[in-house]
Amino acid sequence: MASFADNTIPADFSGTVRLFPLPNLVLFPHVIQPLHVFEARYCDLLEEAIAGDGLIAMVLLETGWQHDYEGRPAIAPVACLGQVISHERVKGRRHNILLRGVRRAAIRREHPAVKSFRQADVDLLDDFYPTSTSVQRPAMQRRLVELATALLPTGAGGQDSLAELLSGEVSLGMLTDIFAHTLGFPLDVKQRLLTEWNVDRRAAILSDRLAQLAKRVPYPLDAAGPPAYPPRFSLN
């Protein structure tokens, strides 16, 4: 398996991204997602990415994608720009990669169909921390950790992984993204959390959703409950 240098987003980034739309995955910054790539158009996309900047924008397909999957079905307005950090060719023209989420990307304009895969111009979105806010961020961070801890499995390393995560410097924005990606939320909720670049609002949405989830699951989820971290391979 080939590994790649951590160059993140190059200084000369043009604002044009390769789009990798999927109906069942919302990627977030700060997390690592395994992907098994086999469709010809996405193999083309990956080959170009690993020969260049290694960047791929994961974006969720909108409801109704089944009617035009082979074409250009509607996509969500905000994607997550990811960077390939490892790559392995497997039998046939297939690939296993690890993709690390780097930045939110608001889609400004999609390009005409000149390649086998889709492309778009995007605006990169940094986490926004309002200077005037009613959110007490240290208290909010503690609440999110408490709620997530109650939902994580006591076995299979779930709470150990959380403790390891929190042992370092973790911002509120990073914490919300990791929880949003790894805990058991529906795709529409995950997309709403990805779209929200205001960290205080994102944290409030996540807190409400975690509290709702805790009411439905009155005991820690077992090992089959929350997704593994890093999550298991997703197929394209």
C-alpha atoms as a PDB file:
ATOM      1  CA  MET A   1       0.000   0.000   0.000  1.00  0.00           C
ATOM      2  CA  ALA A   2       1.424   3.336  -1.058  1.00  0.00           C
ATOM      3  CA  SER A   3       1.447   6.213   1.421  1.00  0.00           C
ATOM      4  CA  PHE A   4       1.398   9.885   0.530  1.00  0.00           C
ATOM      5  CA  ALA A   5       2.905  12.947   2.106  1.00  0.00           C
ATOM      6  CA  ASP A   6       0.606  15.128   4.180  1.00  0.00           C
ATOM      7  CA  ASN A   7       0.462  18.153   1.890  1.00  0.00           C
ATOM      8  CA  THR A   8      -3.182  18.997   2.718  1.00  0.00           C
ATOM      9  CA  ILE A   9      -4.400  21.714   0.353  1.00  0.00           C
ATOM     10  CA  PRO A  10      -1.659  23.107  -1.900  1.00  0.00           C
ATOM     11  CA  ALA A  11      -1.011  26.841  -1.889  1.00  0.00           C
ATOM     12  CA  ASP A  12      -1.883  27.015  -5.595  1.00  0.00           C
ATOM     13  CA  PHE A  13      -5.239  25.223  -5.188  1.00  0.00           C
ATOM     14  CA  SER A  14      -7.411  26.422  -8.080  1.00  0.00           C
ATOM     15  CA  GLY A  15     -10.806  25.941  -6.460  1.00  0.00           C
ATOM     16  CA  THR A  16     -11.709  23.155  -8.890  1.00  0.00           C
ATOM     17  CA  VAL A  17     -12.365  19.733  -7.359  1.00  0.00           C
ATOM     18  CA  ARG A  18     -13.053  16.201  -8.551  1.00  0.00           C
ATOM     19  CA  LEU A  19     -16.492  15.153  -7.331  1.00  0.00           C
ATOM     20  CA  PHE A  20     -17.055  11.679  -5.924  1.00  0.00           C
ATOM     21  CA  PRO A  21     -20.826  11.473  -5.285  1.00  0.00           C
ATOM     22  CA  LEU A  22     -22.153   8.599  -3.180  1.00  0.00           C
ATOM     23  CA  PRO A  23     -25.671   7.920  -1.884  1.00  0.00           C
ATOM     24  CA  ASN A  24     -24.610   6.518   1.483  1.00  0.00           C
ATOM     25  CA  LEU A  25     -21.647   8.489   2.804  1.00  0.00           C
ATOM     26  CA  VAL A  26     -21.070  11.934   4.320  1.00  0.00           C
ATOM     27  CA  LEU A  27     -17.398  12.604   4.971  1.00  0.00           C
ATOM     28  CA  PHE A  28     -16.257  15.149   7.578  1.00  0.00           C
ATOM     29  CA  PRO A  29     -12.987  16.993   8.134  1.00  0.00           C
ATOM     30  CA  HIS A  30     -10.577  15.392  10.640  1.00  0.00           C
ATOM     31  CA  VAL A  31     -11.713  11.812   9.991  1.00  0.00           C
ATOM     32  CA  ILE A  32     -10.374   8.955   7.887  1.00  0.00           C
ATOM     33  CA  GLN A  33     -12.670   6.991   5.571  1.00  0.00           C
ATOM     34  CA  PRO A  34     -11.656   3.772   3.816  1.00  0.00           C
ATOM     35  CA  LEU A  35     -13.055   3.457   0.279  1.00  0.00           C
ATOM     36  CA  HIS A  36     -13.097   0.585  -2.201  1.00  0.00           C
ATOM     37  CA  VAL A  37     -13.160   2.131  -5.670  1.00  0.00           C
ATOM     38  CA  PHE A  38     -14.214   0.058  -8.669  1.00  0.00           C
ATOM     39  CA  GLU A  39     -16.537   2.024 -10.995  1.00  0.00           C
ATOM     40  CA  ALA A  40     -14.631   3.025 -14.148  1.00  0.00           C
ATOM     41  CA  ARG A  41     -15.367   6.748 -13.820  1.00  0.00           C
ATOM     42  CA  TYR A  42     -14.201   6.827 -10.209  1.00  0.00           C
ATOM     43  CA  CYS A  43     -11.098   4.824 -11.057  1.00  0.00           C
ATOM     44  CA  ASP A  44     -10.364   7.548 -13.635  1.00  0.00           C
ATOM     45  CA  LEU A  45     -10.947  10.158 -10.938  1.00  0.00           C
ATOM     46  CA  LEU A  46      -8.644   8.387  -8.491  1.00  0.00           C
ATOM     47  CA  GLU A  47      -5.868   7.883 -11.034  1.00  0.00           C
ATOM     48  CA  GLU A  48      -5.876  11.600 -11.791  1.00  0.00           C
ATOM     49  CA  ALA A  49      -5.959  12.479  -8.085  1.00  0.00           C
ATOM     50  CA  ILE A  50      -3.022  10.299  -7.054  1.00  0.00           C
ATOM     51  CA  ALA A  51      -1.000  11.566 -10.017  1.00  0.00           C
ATOM     52  CA  GLY A  52      -1.661  15.133  -8.874  1.00  0.00           C
ATOM     53  CA  ASP A  53      -2.695  16.788  -5.620  1.00  0.00           C
ATOM     54  CA  GLY A  54      -4.422  13.732  -4.129  1.00  0.00           C
ATOM     55  CA  LEU A  55      -7.640  15.668  -3.493  1.00  0.00           C
ATOM     56  CA  ILE A  56     -11.160  14.265  -3.914  1.00  0.00           C
ATOM     57  CA  ALA A  57     -14.427  15.947  -2.890  1.00  0.00           C
ATOM     58  CA  MET A  58     -16.913  13.495  -1.391  1.00  0.00           C
ATOM     59  CA  VAL A  59     -20.494  14.680  -1.836  1.00  0.00           C
ATOM     60  CA  LEU A  60     -23.861  13.160  -0.972  1.00  0.00           C
ATOM     61  CA  LEU A  61     -26.336  12.350  -3.728  1.00  0.00           C
ATOM     62  CA  GLU A  62     -29.739  13.947  -3.186  1.00  0.00           C
ATOM     63  CA  THR A  63     -32.979  11.986  -2.862  1.00  0.00           C
ATOM     64  CA  GLY A  64     -34.025  10.498  -6.206  1.00  0.00           C
ATOM     65  CA  TRP A  65     -30.490   9.694  -7.349  1.00  0.00           C
ATOM     66  CA  GLN A  66     -31.602   6.153  -8.305  1.00  0.00           C
ATOM     67  CA  HIS A  67     -33.322   7.496 -11.432  1.00  0.00           C
ATOM     68  CA  ASP A  68     -30.089   8.875 -12.932  1.00  0.00           C
ATOM     69  CA  TYR A  69     -27.182   7.245 -11.094  1.00  0.00           C
ATOM     70  CA  GLU A  70     -25.169   6.667 -14.278  1.00  0.00           C
ATOM     71  CA  GLY A  71     -25.672  10.307 -15.274  1.00  0.00           C
ATOM     72  CA  ARG A  72     -25.466  13.477 -13.208  1.00  0.00           C
ATOM     73  CA  PRO A  73     -28.052  13.243 -10.411  1.00  0.00           C
ATOM     74  CA  ALA A  74     -28.495  16.156  -8.013  1.00  0.00           C
ATOM     75  CA  ILE A  75     -25.905  16.511  -5.266  1.00  0.00           C
ATOM     76  CA  ALA A  76     -25.839  18.239  -1.883  1.00  0.00           C
ATOM     77  CA  PRO A  77     -24.634  21.862  -1.868  1.00  0.00           C
ATOM     78  CA  VAL A  78     -21.734  21.220   0.521  1.00  0.00           C
ATOM     79  CA  ALA A  79     -19.089  18.524   0.058  1.00  0.00           C
ATOM     80  CA  CYS A  80     -16.043  17.512   2.076  1.00  0.00           C
ATOM     81  CA  LEU A  81     -12.692  17.852   0.387  1.00  0.00           C
ATOM     82  CA  GLY A  82     -10.529  14.859   1.245  1.00  0.00           C
ATOM     83  CA  GLN A  83      -6.942  13.861   0.616  1.00  0.00           C
ATOM     84  CA  VAL A  84      -5.786  10.365  -0.320  1.00  0.00           C
ATOM     85  CA  ILE A  85      -3.316   9.293   2.375  1.00  0.00           C
ATOM     86  CA  SER A  86      -2.808   5.698   1.247  1.00  0.00           C
ATOM     87  CA  HIS A  87      -3.562   3.716  -1.893  1.00  0.00           C
ATOM     88  CA  GLU A  88      -3.488   0.032  -2.781  1.00  0.00           C
ATOM     89  CA  ARG A  89      -4.269  -1.531  -6.155  1.00  0.00           C
ATOM     90  CA  VAL A  90      -6.182  -4.778  -5.829  1.00  0.00           C
ATOM     91  CA  LYS A  91      -7.325  -7.464  -8.284  1.00  0.00           C
ATOM     92  CA  GLY A  92      -8.631  -6.019 -11.519  1.00  0.00           C
ATOM     93  CA  ARG A  93      -8.954  -2.271 -11.892  1.00  0.00           C
ATOM     94  CA  ARG A  94      -9.910  -1.811  -8.256  1.00  0.00           C
ATOM     95  CA  HIS A  95      -8.423   0.270  -5.501  1.00  0.00           C
ATOM     96  CA  ASN A  96      -8.476   0.495  -1.727  1.00  0.00           C
ATOM     97  CA  ILE A  97      -7.751   3.959  -0.384  1.00  0.00           C
ATOM     98  CA  LEU A  98      -7.805   5.856   2.860  1.00  0.00           C
ATOM     99  CA  LEU A  99      -9.262   9.338   2.453  1.00  0.00           C
ATOM    100  CA  ARG A 100      -8.734  11.953   5.156  1.00  0.00           C
ATOM    101  CA  GLY A 101     -11.303  14.724   5.384  1.00  0.00           C
ATOM    102  CA  VAL A 102      -9.644  18.126   5.073  1.00  0.00           C
ATOM    103  CA  ARG A 103     -12.148  20.955   4.563  1.00  0.00           C
ATOM    104  CA  ARG A 104     -15.804  21.759   3.907  1.00  0.00           C
ATOM    105  CA  ALA A 105     -16.402  22.861   0.327  1.00  0.00           C
ATOM    106  CA  ALA A 106     -19.469  24.786  -0.854  1.00  0.00           C
ATOM    107  CA  ILE A 107     -20.206  23.943  -4.471  1.00  0.00           C
ATOM    108  CA  ARG A 108     -20.390  27.127  -6.526  1.00  0.00           C
ATOM    109  CA  ARG A 109     -20.600  25.813 -10.093  1.00  0.00           C
ATOM    110  CA  GLU A 110     -20.444  22.377 -11.653  1.00  0.00           C
ATOM    111  CA  HIS A 111     -18.402  21.986 -14.830  1.00  0.00           C
ATOM    112  CA  PRO A 112     -19.792  20.699 -18.129  1.00  0.00           C
ATOM    113  CA  ALA A 113     -19.275  16.979 -18.728  1.00  0.00           C
ATOM    114  CA  VAL A 114     -15.834  16.853 -20.377  1.00  0.00           C
ATOM    115  CA  LYS A 115     -14.378  13.984 -18.343  1.00  0.00           C
ATOM    116  CA  SER A 116     -15.776  10.643 -17.235  1.00  0.00           C
ATOM    117  CA  PHE A 117     -16.211  12.033 -13.707  1.00  0.00           C
ATOM    118  CA  ARG A 118     -17.799  15.226 -12.439  1.00  0.00           C
ATOM    119  CA  GLN A 119     -15.957  18.401 -11.461  1.00  0.00           C
ATOM    120  CA  ALA A 120     -16.968  21.631  -9.764  1.00  0.00           C
ATOM    121  CA  ASP A 121     -15.672  24.971  -8.567  1.00  0.00           C
ATOM    122  CA  VAL A 122     -15.973  25.311  -4.797  1.00  0.00           C
ATOM    123  CA  ASP A 123     -15.449  27.769  -1.977  1.00  0.00           C
ATOM    124  CA  LEU A 124     -13.556  26.259   0.946  1.00  0.00           C
ATOM    125  CA  LEU A 125     -15.193  26.847   4.334  1.00  0.00           C
ATOM    126  CA  ASP A 126     -13.156  27.188   7.496  1.00  0.00           C
ATOM    127  CA  ASP A 127     -14.758  26.619  10.883  1.00  0.00           C
ATOM    128  CA  PHE A 128     -16.344  29.881  12.022  1.00  0.00           C
ATOM    129  CA  TYR A 129     -16.325  30.798  15.708  1.00  0.00           C
ATOM    130  CA  PRO A 130     -18.584  33.827  16.330  1.00  0.00           C
ATOM    131  CA  THR A 131     -17.128  36.442  18.647  1.00  0.00           C
ATOM    132  CA  SER A 132     -20.589  37.138  20.052  1.00  0.00           C
ATOM    133  CA  THR A 133     -22.366  33.977  21.161  1.00  0.00           C
ATOM    134  CA  SER A 134     -24.479  32.561  23.945  1.00  0.00           C
ATOM    135  CA  VAL A 135     -22.693  29.206  23.720  1.00  0.00           C
ATOM    136  CA  GLN A 136     -20.274  28.472  26.527  1.00  0.00           C
ATOM    137  CA  ARG A 137     -17.825  26.404  24.528  1.00  0.00           C
ATOM    138  CA  PRO A 138     -16.026  24.533  27.356  1.00  0.00           C
ATOM    139  CA  ALA A 139     -19.394  23.568  28.859  1.00  0.00           C
ATOM    140  CA  MET A 140     -20.735  22.544  25.449  1.00  0.00           C
ATOM    141  CA  GLN A 141     -17.654  20.427  24.795  1.00  0.00           C
ATOM    142  CA  ARG A 142     -18.090  18.659  28.151  1.00  0.00           C
ATOM    143  CA  ARG A 143     -21.763  18.018  27.394  1.00  0.00           C
ATOM    144  CA  LEU A 144     -20.987  16.512  23.993  1.00  0.00           C
ATOM    145  CA  VAL A 145     -18.366  14.229  25.513  1.00  0.00           C
ATOM    146  CA  GLU A 146     -20.742  13.109  28.265  1.00  0.00           C
ATOM    147  CA  LEU A 147     -23.526  12.339  25.794  1.00  0.00           C
ATOM    148  CA  ALA A 148     -21.207  10.510  23.417  1.00  0.00           C
ATOM    149  CA  THR A 149     -19.598   8.535  26.232  1.00  0.00           C
ATOM    150  CA  ALA A 150     -23.015   7.268  27.314  1.00  0.00           C
ATOM    151  CA  LEU A 151     -23.680   5.999  23.776  1.00  0.00           C
ATOM    152  CA  LEU A 152     -20.330   4.409  23.001  1.00  0.00           C
ATOM    153  CA  PRO A 153     -19.836   0.703  23.712  1.00  0.00           C
ATOM    154  CA  THR A 154     -18.079  -0.182  26.956  1.00  0.00           C
ATOM    155  CA  GLY A 155     -16.301  -2.984  25.078  1.00  0.00           C
ATOM    156  CA  ALA A 156     -14.581  -3.177  21.701  1.00  0.00           C
ATOM    157  CA  GLY A 157     -12.427  -0.156  22.526  1.00  0.00           C
ATOM    158  CA  GLY A 158     -15.170   2.451  22.002  1.00  0.00           C
ATOM    159  CA  GLN A 159     -14.646   4.444  25.180  1.00  0.00           C
ATOM    160  CA  ASP A 160     -10.879   3.811  25.084  1.00  0.00           C
ATOM    161  CA  SER A 161     -10.825   5.403  21.612  1.00  0.00           C
ATOM    162  CA  LEU A 162     -12.718   8.410  22.956  1.00  0.00           C
ATOM    163  CA  ALA A 163     -10.316   8.792  25.870  1.00  0.00           C
ATOM    164  CA  GLU A 164      -7.357   8.599  23.490  1.00  0.00           C
ATOM    165  CA  LEU A 165      -8.957  11.210  21.247  1.00  0.00           C
ATOM    166  CA  LEU A 166      -9.546  13.607  24.133  1.00  0.00           C
ATOM    167  CA  SER A 167      -6.041  13.201  25.506  1.00  0.00           C
ATOM    168  CA  GLY A 168      -4.788  15.636  22.867  1.00  0.00           C
ATOM    169  CA  GLU A 169      -5.758  19.165  21.891  1.00  0.00           C
ATOM    170  CA  VAL A 170      -9.214  18.882  20.339  1.00  0.00           C
ATOM    171  CA  SER A 171     -11.159  21.950  19.285  1.00  0.00           C
ATOM    172  CA  LEU A 172     -14.934  22.115  19.536  1.00  0.00           C
ATOM    173  CA  GLY A 173     -15.139  22.122  15.734  1.00  0.00           C
ATOM    174  CA  MET A 174     -12.992  18.993  15.443  1.00  0.00           C
ATOM    175  CA  LEU A 175     -14.958  17.221  18.178  1.00  0.00           C
ATOM    176  CA  THR A 176     -18.303  17.917  16.501  1.00  0.00           C
ATOM    177  CA  ASP A 177     -17.016  16.603  13.168  1.00  0.00           C
ATOM    178  CA  ILE A 178     -15.635  13.391  14.640  1.00  0.00           C
ATOM    179  CA  PHE A 179     -18.836  12.678  16.579  1.00  0.00           C
ATOM    180  CA  ALA A 180     -21.023  13.580  13.589  1.00  0.00           C
ATOM    181  CA  HIS A 181     -19.109  11.153  11.383  1.00  0.00           C
ATOM    182  CA  THR A 182     -18.797   8.204  13.756  1.00  0.00           C
ATOM    183  CA  LEU A 183     -22.071   8.138  15.702  1.00  0.00           C
ATOM    184  CA  GLY A 184     -25.309   6.695  14.404  1.00  0.00           C
ATOM    185  CA  PHE A 185     -27.058   9.590  12.686  1.00  0.00           C
ATOM    186  CA  PRO A 186     -29.173   9.403   9.519  1.00  0.00           C
ATOM    187  CA  LEU A 187     -27.598  10.764   6.351  1.00  0.00           C
ATOM    188  CA  ASP A 188     -29.793  13.868   6.289  1.00  0.00           C
ATOM    189  CA  VAL A 189     -28.655  14.799   9.811  1.00  0.00           C
ATOM    190  CA  LYS A 190     -25.016  14.226   8.883  1.00  0.00           C
ATOM    191  CA  GLN A 191     -25.407  16.417   5.803  1.00  0.00           C
ATOM    192  CA  ARG A 192     -26.979  19.172   7.914  1.00  0.00           C
ATOM    193  CA  LEU A 193     -24.004  19.002  10.294  1.00  0.00           C
ATOM    194  CA  LEU A 194     -21.554  19.103   7.398  1.00  0.00           C
ATOM    195  CA  THR A 195     -23.324  22.103   5.875  1.00  0.00           C
ATOM    196  CA  GLU A 196     -23.133  24.087   9.130  1.00  0.00           C
ATOM    197  CA  TRP A 197     -19.751  25.812   9.260  1.00  0.00           C
ATOM    198  CA  ASN A 198     -20.711  27.941  12.288  1.00  0.00           C
ATOM    199  CA  VAL A 199     -19.197  25.791  15.045  1.00  0.00           C
ATOM    200  CA  ASP A 200     -21.529  27.011  17.803  1.00  0.00           C
ATOM    201  CA  ARG A 201     -24.628  26.205  15.765  1.00  0.00           C
ATOM    202  CA  ARG A 202     -23.166  22.865  14.713  1.00  0.00           C
ATOM    203  CA  ALA A 203     -22.435  21.972  18.327  1.00  0.00           C
ATOM    204  CA  ALA A 204     -25.976  22.908  19.379  1.00  0.00           C
ATOM    205  CA  ILE A 205     -27.501  20.744  16.622  1.00  0.00           C
ATOM    206  CA  LEU A 206     -25.231  17.852  17.567  1.00  0.00           C
ATOM    207  CA  SER A 207     -26.068  18.199  21.266  1.00  0.00           C
ATOM    208  CA  ASP A 208     -29.796  18.055  20.536  1.00  0.00           C
ATOM    209  CA  ARG A 209     -29.384  15.024  18.281  1.00  0.00           C
ATOM    210  CA  LEU A 210     -27.203  13.178  20.779  1.00  0.00           C
ATOM    211  CA  ALA A 211     -29.764  13.822  23.508  1.00  0.00           C
ATOM    212  CA  GLN A 212     -32.525  12.455  21.258  1.00  0.00           C
ATOM    213  CA  LEU A 213     -30.415   9.416  20.438  1.00  0.00           C
ATOM    214  CA  ALA A 214     -29.714   8.784  24.119  1.00  0.00           C
ATOM    215  CA  LYS A 215     -33.457   8.749  24.852  1.00  0.00           C
ATOM    216  CA  ARG A 216     -34.007   6.066  22.215  1.00  0.00           C
ATOM    217  CA  VAL A 217     -31.004   4.013  23.378  1.00  0.00           C
ATOM    218  CA  PRO A 218     -31.156   3.907  27.210  1.00  0.00           C
ATOM    219  CA  TYR A 219     -27.951   1.847  27.508  1.00  0.00           C
ATOM    220  CA  PRO A 220     -24.536   1.900  25.788  1.00  0.00           C
ATOM    221  CA  LEU A 221     -24.637   0.676  22.228  1.00  0.00           C
ATOM    222  CA  ASP A 222     -23.034  -2.720  21.694  1.00  0.00           C
ATOM    223  CA  ALA A 223     -20.153  -3.264  19.301  1.00  0.00           C
ATOM    224  CA  ALA A 224     -22.585  -3.615  16.391  1.00  0.00           C
ATOM    225  CA  GLY A 225     -24.141  -0.223  17.106  1.00  0.00           C
ATOM    226  CA  PRO A 226     -21.947   2.756  16.239  1.00  0.00           C
ATOM    227  CA  PRO A 227     -19.661   2.668  13.223  1.00  0.00           C
ATOM    228  CA  ALA A 228     -16.063   1.660  13.821  1.00  0.00           C
ATOM    229  CA  TYR A 229     -13.407   4.377  13.942  1.00  0.00           C
ATOM    230  CA  PRO A 230     -11.939   4.599  11.425  1.00  0.00           C
ATOM    231  CA  PRO A 231     -15.161   3.491   9.700  1.00  0.00           C
ATOM    232  CA  ARG A 232     -15.230   0.312   7.635  1.00  0.00           C
ATOM    233  CA  PHE A 233     -14.707   0.398   3.884  1.00  0.00           C
ATOM    234  CA  SER A 234     -17.406   2.101   1.848  1.00  0.00           C
ATOM    235  CA  LEU A 235     -18.091   0.831  -1.670  1.00  0.00           C
ATOM    236  CA  ASN A 236     -18.606   3.224  -4.568  1.00  0.00           C
END
